[in-house]
Amino acid sequence: MSKKRVDEATRAIVAERARFLCEYCLTRQDFSTVNFSIEHIFPFVSGGTNDVDNLAYSCQQCNNHKFAVDPKTQISVPLYNPRTDPWNEHFVWSTDFCLIIGVSQIGRATIL
């Protein structure tokens, strides 16, 4: 089975839905030195589709992060899913807004 590229219209829908923020870490695209990508939440090679509900707007660092071990408990956990997981249950900004802090197993593992 060959992977079909996400078409430009779908890319635009995903980026606009995300308000041009990485859906994992909430970094703004215009603050990044590299282009953001469209990421499959459930991987294409594992049966995921190009349906917009399975696509996330992602910075390169978050897109490269595909596994998750909570550094505090050493337990494997799923990565943060921007479609189903409330961001505020897993992350907070530091008081100076320079760092995202994981406050759950999923949050800590995702920000590594």
Protein backbone atom coordinates (compact mmCIF):
# COMPACT_ATOMS: atom_id res chain seq x y z
CA MET A 1 0.00 0.00 0.00
CA SER A 2 1.50 3.33 -1.00
CA LYS A 3 1.05 6.43 1.09
CA LYS A 4 -0.96 9.17 -0.57
CA ARG A 5 0.36 12.67 0.11
CA VAL A 6 -1.86 15.03 2.03
CA ASP A 7 -3.20 17.47 -0.56
CA GLU A 8 -2.76 21.23 -0.24
CA ALA A 9 -6.43 21.86 0.58
CA THR A 10 -6.29 19.42 3.50
CA ARG A 11 -2.96 20.89 4.66
CA ALA A 12 -4.59 24.33 4.75
CA ILE A 13 -7.58 23.04 6.73
CA VAL A 14 -5.31 21.39 9.33
CA ALA A 15 -3.05 24.46 9.68
CA GLU A 16 -5.97 26.87 10.00
CA ARG A 17 -7.77 24.62 12.49
CA ALA A 18 -4.58 24.67 14.60
CA ARG A 19 -4.37 28.48 14.25
CA PHE A 20 -0.83 27.92 12.90
CA LEU A 21 0.31 26.56 16.30
CA CYS A 22 1.95 23.18 16.85
CA GLU A 23 -0.89 21.10 18.24
CA TYR A 24 1.47 19.35 20.66
CA CYS A 25 3.57 22.12 22.22
CA LEU A 26 1.56 25.18 21.04
CA THR A 27 4.61 26.85 19.48
CA ARG A 28 3.69 29.42 16.85
CA GLN A 29 4.76 28.65 13.29
CA ASP A 30 6.00 32.20 12.80
CA PHE A 31 8.45 31.71 15.71
CA SER A 32 10.01 28.65 14.08
CA THR A 33 13.01 28.59 11.77
CA VAL A 34 11.69 25.49 9.96
CA ASN A 35 8.38 24.73 8.30
CA PHE A 36 5.74 22.87 10.28
CA SER A 37 4.43 19.60 8.95
CA ILE A 38 1.19 17.68 8.82
CA GLU A 39 1.55 14.70 11.15
CA HIS A 40 -0.51 11.51 11.31
CA ILE A 41 -1.73 11.04 14.90
CA PHE A 42 -2.40 7.36 14.23
CA PRO A 43 0.46 6.41 11.87
CA PHE A 44 -0.34 5.75 8.23
CA VAL A 45 1.74 2.56 8.29
CA SER A 46 -0.46 1.25 11.13
CA GLY A 47 -3.70 1.89 9.29
CA GLY A 48 -4.11 5.61 9.94
CA THR A 49 -5.70 7.70 7.23
CA ASN A 50 -5.33 11.15 5.73
CA ASP A 51 -8.68 12.13 7.22
CA VAL A 52 -8.42 15.57 8.84
CA ASP A 53 -9.36 14.09 12.24
CA ASN A 54 -6.18 11.97 12.09
CA LEU A 55 -3.91 14.86 11.09
CA ALA A 56 -2.16 17.36 13.35
CA TYR A 57 -0.15 20.49 12.63
CA SER A 58 3.26 19.88 14.14
CA CYS A 59 6.62 21.55 14.66
CA GLN A 60 9.60 19.44 13.58
CA GLN A 61 10.67 18.58 17.13
CA CYS A 62 7.24 17.22 18.07
CA ASN A 63 6.87 15.44 14.72
CA ASN A 64 10.17 13.62 15.32
CA HIS A 65 9.04 12.39 18.73
CA LYS A 66 7.26 9.06 18.18
CA PHE A 67 7.55 7.19 21.48
CA ALA A 68 6.90 8.15 25.06
CA VAL A 69 8.38 7.11 28.38
CA ASP A 70 7.49 9.18 31.43
CA PRO A 71 10.90 10.22 32.83
CA LYS A 72 9.52 10.31 36.38
CA THR A 73 7.96 6.82 36.48
CA GLN A 74 9.79 5.15 33.54
CA ILE A 75 6.39 3.89 32.33
CA SER A 76 5.61 3.80 28.60
CA VAL A 77 2.59 5.97 27.89
CA PRO A 78 0.82 7.18 24.77
CA LEU A 79 1.86 10.52 23.35
CA TYR A 80 -0.42 13.49 23.86
CA ASN A 81 -3.24 13.38 21.31
CA PRO A 82 -4.43 16.88 20.37
CA ARG A 83 -7.81 15.52 19.19
CA THR A 84 -8.78 13.80 22.45
CA ASP A 85 -6.53 15.00 25.30
CA PRO A 86 -7.21 18.38 26.96
CA TRP A 87 -3.92 20.33 26.80
CA ASN A 88 -4.34 21.84 30.28
CA GLU A 89 -4.57 18.38 31.87
CA HIS A 90 -1.08 17.51 30.66
CA PHE A 91 0.89 20.77 30.38
CA VAL A 92 1.38 24.22 31.87
CA TRP A 93 3.61 27.11 30.86
CA SER A 94 6.41 28.16 33.20
CA THR A 95 5.86 31.47 34.97
CA ASP A 96 8.09 33.25 32.43
CA PHE A 97 6.34 31.47 29.51
CA CYS A 98 9.66 30.11 28.21
CA LEU A 99 9.08 26.43 28.98
CA ILE A 100 6.23 23.98 28.72
CA ILE A 101 6.07 21.75 31.80
CA GLY A 102 4.50 18.29 31.73
CA VAL A 103 2.18 17.73 34.68
CA SER A 104 1.01 14.19 33.85
CA GLN A 105 2.70 11.02 32.64
CA ILE A 106 1.60 11.82 29.09
CA GLY A 107 2.70 15.45 29.42
CA ARG A 108 6.13 14.63 30.81
CA ALA A 109 6.75 11.97 28.17
CA THR A 110 5.54 14.14 25.31
CA ILE A 111 7.76 17.15 26.05
CA LEU A 112 11.00 15.19 26.19
